[in-house]
């Protein structure tokens, strides 16, 4: 499952202009590796960067609007809790 997000405020990363983030789902262990079970804002940003293949230096420069959208996208990929009977 892939989800595309067009940035409201494009970013410059070296000579590359980033106008879109492409999140590769579903969420996998490699996206969560090394993170605690209780996630905070910083962890969600880390997961987002891992899911779209962007380094922290890019994710940290997102505009407020784009950041809010990224956090929403990442949250949509997170499991909602234990399944019934588990």
Protein backbone atom coordinates (compact mmCIF):
# COMPACT_ATOMS: atom_id res chain seq x y z
CA UNK A 1 0.00 0.00 0.00
CA UNK A 2 1.50 3.29 -1.10
CA UNK A 3 0.34 6.74 -0.06
CA UNK A 4 1.48 9.92 -1.81
CA UNK A 5 1.53 13.34 -0.21
CA UNK A 6 2.17 16.55 -2.14
CA UNK A 7 4.03 19.07 0.01
CA UNK A 8 2.39 22.46 0.43
CA UNK A 9 5.88 23.89 0.93
CA UNK A 10 8.51 22.12 -1.22
CA UNK A 11 11.90 21.42 0.37
CA UNK A 12 15.41 21.76 -0.97
CA UNK A 13 17.79 18.88 -0.23
CA UNK A 14 21.10 19.66 -1.88
CA UNK A 15 20.33 20.11 -5.58
CA UNK A 16 17.04 18.20 -5.31
CA UNK A 17 13.69 19.90 -4.78
CA UNK A 18 11.29 17.64 -2.89
CA UNK A 19 7.66 18.27 -3.79
CA UNK A 20 6.15 14.95 -2.77
CA UNK A 21 6.61 12.24 -0.15
CA UNK A 22 5.72 8.65 -1.02
CA UNK A 23 5.01 6.47 2.01
CA UNK A 24 5.54 2.76 1.46
CA UNK A 25 3.19 0.65 3.55
CA UNK A 26 2.20 -1.42 5.25
CA UNK A 27 4.06 -0.53 8.42
CA UNK A 28 6.89 -3.03 9.03
CA UNK A 29 9.31 -3.84 11.79
CA UNK A 30 12.11 -1.96 10.03
CA UNK A 31 10.08 1.24 10.35
CA UNK A 32 9.65 0.72 14.11
CA UNK A 33 13.08 -0.74 14.92
CA UNK A 34 14.72 0.83 17.96
CA UNK A 35 11.66 2.85 18.99
CA UNK A 36 9.79 2.47 22.30
CA UNK A 37 6.23 1.15 22.49
CA UNK A 38 4.98 4.52 23.72
CA UNK A 39 5.46 6.78 20.70
CA UNK A 40 5.84 10.55 20.80
CA UNK A 41 6.00 13.23 18.11
CA UNK A 42 9.71 12.63 17.43
CA UNK A 43 9.14 8.90 16.95
CA UNK A 44 6.28 9.49 14.51
CA UNK A 45 8.52 11.80 12.49
CA UNK A 46 11.23 9.10 12.48
CA UNK A 47 8.75 6.48 11.28
CA UNK A 48 7.50 8.85 8.57
CA UNK A 49 11.02 9.42 7.30
CA UNK A 50 11.72 5.71 7.24
CA UNK A 51 8.47 4.99 5.39
CA UNK A 52 9.16 7.55 2.66
CA UNK A 53 12.93 7.09 2.48
CA UNK A 54 13.84 10.61 3.58
CA UNK A 55 16.61 11.40 6.08
CA UNK A 56 15.94 13.23 9.36
CA UNK A 57 17.45 16.40 7.87
CA UNK A 58 14.58 16.55 5.36
CA UNK A 59 11.82 15.58 7.79
CA UNK A 60 12.96 18.20 10.29
CA UNK A 61 12.49 20.97 7.69
CA UNK A 62 8.83 20.23 6.93
CA UNK A 63 6.47 23.19 7.24
CA UNK A 64 3.89 23.07 10.02
CA UNK A 65 1.08 22.16 7.61
CA UNK A 66 3.13 19.42 5.95
CA UNK A 67 4.29 18.11 9.31
CA UNK A 68 0.70 17.79 10.53
CA UNK A 69 -0.20 15.86 7.38
CA UNK A 70 2.81 13.53 7.76
CA UNK A 71 1.86 12.78 11.36
CA UNK A 72 -1.67 11.95 10.23
CA UNK A 73 -0.41 9.66 7.47
CA UNK A 74 1.89 7.81 9.87
CA UNK A 75 -0.89 7.47 12.44
CA UNK A 76 -3.13 5.94 9.74
CA UNK A 77 -0.52 3.21 9.21
CA UNK A 78 -0.23 2.36 12.93
CA UNK A 79 -2.16 -0.61 14.29
CA UNK A 80 -5.20 0.34 16.35
CA UNK A 81 -4.61 -2.17 19.14
CA UNK A 82 -4.91 -5.85 19.92
CA UNK A 83 -7.31 -7.81 17.76
CA UNK A 84 -10.32 -9.42 19.39
CA UNK A 85 -9.32 -12.68 21.06
CA UNK A 86 -5.62 -11.87 21.03
